[in-house]
Amino acid sequence: MNFEKYLKNIEYPKQKSSWNIAGTLQNGFYKFDTRPIQDNSKVCSFNTKADKIVFYIDNKYIVVDTKELITYLKKNKIKDVHLQNVLLNLEWNIIIND
């Protein structure tokens, strides 16, 4: 996964953090959680400092807003996320073909 090629003004956390990379994407500066999906799942914390969560599926980067995703999951009491279903219900997401 080489998501950083889509970012400008890249920064990395100075110490261990819940985000991996920060940078400008579509005129906004965000902190991103870009950890890969493993065993068909991605573990994320409700306490993350990441602004956006990045999923890499089928040669596409799917970027979702962390706060919106967490709010949706809590409101609907969802523990196992099926990304296709969630994307239909979130207002803020970006899909980048790699």
C-alpha atoms as a PDB file:
ATOM      1  CA  MET A   1       0.000   0.000   0.000  1.00  0.00           C
ATOM      2  CA  ASN A   2       1.471   3.316  -1.080  1.00  0.00           C
ATOM      3  CA  PHE A   3      -1.205   5.797  -0.028  1.00  0.00           C
ATOM      4  CA  GLU A   4       1.362   8.522   0.602  1.00  0.00           C
ATOM      5  CA  LYS A   5       1.705   9.172  -3.151  1.00  0.00           C
ATOM      6  CA  TYR A   6      -1.744  10.820  -2.998  1.00  0.00           C
ATOM      7  CA  LEU A   7      -0.767  13.197  -0.174  1.00  0.00           C
ATOM      8  CA  LYS A   8       1.070  16.506  -0.047  1.00  0.00           C
ATOM      9  CA  ASN A   9       2.818  18.078   2.953  1.00  0.00           C
ATOM     10  CA  ILE A  10       3.459  14.653   4.500  1.00  0.00           C
ATOM     11  CA  GLU A  11       4.234  14.259   8.203  1.00  0.00           C
ATOM     12  CA  TYR A  12       4.784  11.191  10.365  1.00  0.00           C
ATOM     13  CA  PRO A  13       4.077  10.814  14.092  1.00  0.00           C
ATOM     14  CA  LYS A  14       7.064  11.573  16.285  1.00  0.00           C
ATOM     15  CA  GLN A  15       6.106   8.782  18.700  1.00  0.00           C
ATOM     16  CA  LYS A  16       3.929   5.682  18.554  1.00  0.00           C
ATOM     17  CA  SER A  17       0.410   6.763  17.673  1.00  0.00           C
ATOM     18  CA  SER A  18      -2.920   5.538  16.341  1.00  0.00           C
ATOM     19  CA  TRP A  19      -2.256   7.288  13.036  1.00  0.00           C
ATOM     20  CA  ASN A  20       0.523   6.429  10.586  1.00  0.00           C
ATOM     21  CA  ILE A  21       0.797   9.380   8.238  1.00  0.00           C
ATOM     22  CA  ALA A  22      -0.570  12.904   7.946  1.00  0.00           C
ATOM     23  CA  GLY A  23      -0.871  15.051   4.879  1.00  0.00           C
ATOM     24  CA  THR A  24      -3.038  17.147   2.610  1.00  0.00           C
ATOM     25  CA  LEU A  25      -5.733  15.335   0.637  1.00  0.00           C
ATOM     26  CA  GLN A  26      -8.246  17.358  -1.376  1.00  0.00           C
ATOM     27  CA  ASN A  27      -7.402  20.665   0.320  1.00  0.00           C
ATOM     28  CA  GLY A  28      -7.625  19.318   3.861  1.00  0.00           C
ATOM     29  CA  PHE A  29      -4.815  18.287   6.199  1.00  0.00           C
ATOM     30  CA  TYR A  30      -5.613  15.029   7.991  1.00  0.00           C
ATOM     31  CA  LYS A  31      -4.054  12.285  10.096  1.00  0.00           C
ATOM     32  CA  PHE A  32      -4.619   8.858   8.530  1.00  0.00           C
ATOM     33  CA  ASP A  33      -4.766   5.323   9.904  1.00  0.00           C
ATOM     34  CA  THR A  34      -3.368   3.299   7.004  1.00  0.00           C
ATOM     35  CA  ARG A  35      -2.757   0.008   8.768  1.00  0.00           C
ATOM     36  CA  PRO A  36      -3.529  -2.865   6.394  1.00  0.00           C
ATOM     37  CA  ILE A  37      -6.443  -5.256   6.557  1.00  0.00           C
ATOM     38  CA  GLN A  38      -5.297  -8.598   7.984  1.00  0.00           C
ATOM     39  CA  ASP A  39      -7.301 -11.811   8.010  1.00  0.00           C
ATOM     40  CA  ASN A  40     -10.191  -9.965   6.376  1.00  0.00           C
ATOM     41  CA  SER A  41     -10.429  -7.433   9.216  1.00  0.00           C
ATOM     42  CA  LYS A  42      -9.022  -4.131  10.382  1.00  0.00           C
ATOM     43  CA  VAL A  43      -8.935  -3.355  14.082  1.00  0.00           C
ATOM     44  CA  CYS A  44      -9.527   0.277  14.982  1.00  0.00           C
ATOM     45  CA  SER A  45     -10.025   1.992  18.296  1.00  0.00           C
ATOM     46  CA  PHE A  46     -12.782   4.418  19.242  1.00  0.00           C
ATOM     47  CA  ASN A  47      -9.984   6.430  20.892  1.00  0.00           C
ATOM     48  CA  THR A  48      -7.940   6.871  17.714  1.00  0.00           C
ATOM     49  CA  LYS A  49      -6.288  10.194  16.962  1.00  0.00           C
ATOM     50  CA  ALA A  50      -6.652   9.555  13.217  1.00  0.00           C
ATOM     51  CA  ASP A  51      -8.991  11.883  11.337  1.00  0.00           C
ATOM     52  CA  LYS A  52      -9.497   9.400   8.516  1.00  0.00           C
ATOM     53  CA  ILE A  53      -9.249   5.620   8.158  1.00  0.00           C
ATOM     54  CA  VAL A  54      -7.900   4.178   4.922  1.00  0.00           C
ATOM     55  CA  PHE A  55      -8.891   0.761   3.583  1.00  0.00           C
ATOM     56  CA  TYR A  56      -7.148  -0.786   0.572  1.00  0.00           C
ATOM     57  CA  ILE A  57      -9.444  -3.164  -1.293  1.00  0.00           C
ATOM     58  CA  ASP A  58      -9.450  -4.301  -4.935  1.00  0.00           C
ATOM     59  CA  ASN A  59      -6.781  -1.767  -5.966  1.00  0.00           C
ATOM     60  CA  LYS A  60      -8.738   1.105  -4.422  1.00  0.00           C
ATOM     61  CA  TYR A  61      -8.099   3.276  -1.412  1.00  0.00           C
ATOM     62  CA  ILE A  62     -11.306   3.901   0.490  1.00  0.00           C
ATOM     63  CA  VAL A  63     -10.976   6.815   2.892  1.00  0.00           C
ATOM     64  CA  VAL A  64     -13.661   7.332   5.535  1.00  0.00           C
ATOM     65  CA  ASP A  65     -14.081   9.952   8.231  1.00  0.00           C
ATOM     66  CA  THR A  66     -13.204   8.439  11.603  1.00  0.00           C
ATOM     67  CA  LYS A  67     -15.709  10.389  13.725  1.00  0.00           C
ATOM     68  CA  GLU A  68     -18.543   9.734  11.303  1.00  0.00           C
ATOM     69  CA  LEU A  69     -17.721   6.017  11.146  1.00  0.00           C
ATOM     70  CA  ILE A  70     -17.508   5.681  14.944  1.00  0.00           C
ATOM     71  CA  THR A  71     -20.788   7.576  15.410  1.00  0.00           C
ATOM     72  CA  TYR A  72     -22.490   5.323  12.855  1.00  0.00           C
ATOM     73  CA  LEU A  73     -21.132   2.154  14.472  1.00  0.00           C
ATOM     74  CA  LYS A  74     -22.174   3.206  17.982  1.00  0.00           C
ATOM     75  CA  LYS A  75     -25.621   4.413  16.903  1.00  0.00           C
ATOM     76  CA  ASN A  76     -26.352   1.176  15.053  1.00  0.00           C
ATOM     77  CA  LYS A  77     -24.550  -1.078  17.579  1.00  0.00           C
ATOM     78  CA  ILE A  78     -22.362  -2.568  14.838  1.00  0.00           C
ATOM     79  CA  LYS A  79     -19.218  -4.505  15.747  1.00  0.00           C
ATOM     80  CA  ASP A  80     -18.414  -6.229  12.450  1.00  0.00           C
ATOM     81  CA  VAL A  81     -18.302  -3.704   9.647  1.00  0.00           C
ATOM     82  CA  HIS A  82     -19.151  -4.640   6.086  1.00  0.00           C
ATOM     83  CA  LEU A  83     -17.527  -1.748   4.289  1.00  0.00           C
ATOM     84  CA  GLN A  84     -19.861  -1.726   1.274  1.00  0.00           C
ATOM     85  CA  ASN A  85     -22.894  -1.356   3.557  1.00  0.00           C
ATOM     86  CA  VAL A  86     -21.269   1.333   5.655  1.00  0.00           C
ATOM     87  CA  LEU A  87     -20.199   3.431   2.663  1.00  0.00           C
ATOM     88  CA  LEU A  88     -23.811   3.763   1.610  1.00  0.00           C
ATOM     89  CA  ASN A  89     -24.617   5.312   4.988  1.00  0.00           C
ATOM     90  CA  LEU A  90     -21.664   7.686   5.421  1.00  0.00           C
ATOM     91  CA  GLU A  91     -21.624  11.171   3.949  1.00  0.00           C
ATOM     92  CA  TRP A  92     -17.836  11.641   3.896  1.00  0.00           C
ATOM     93  CA  ASN A  93     -15.802   9.113   1.954  1.00  0.00           C
ATOM     94  CA  ILE A  94     -13.367   9.176  -0.925  1.00  0.00           C
ATOM     95  CA  ILE A  95     -12.512   6.324  -3.261  1.00  0.00           C
ATOM     96  CA  ILE A  96      -9.165   6.573  -5.051  1.00  0.00           C
ATOM     97  CA  ASN A  97      -8.349   4.124  -7.831  1.00  0.00           C
ATOM     98  CA  ASP A  98      -4.738   3.007  -7.466  1.00  0.00           C
END
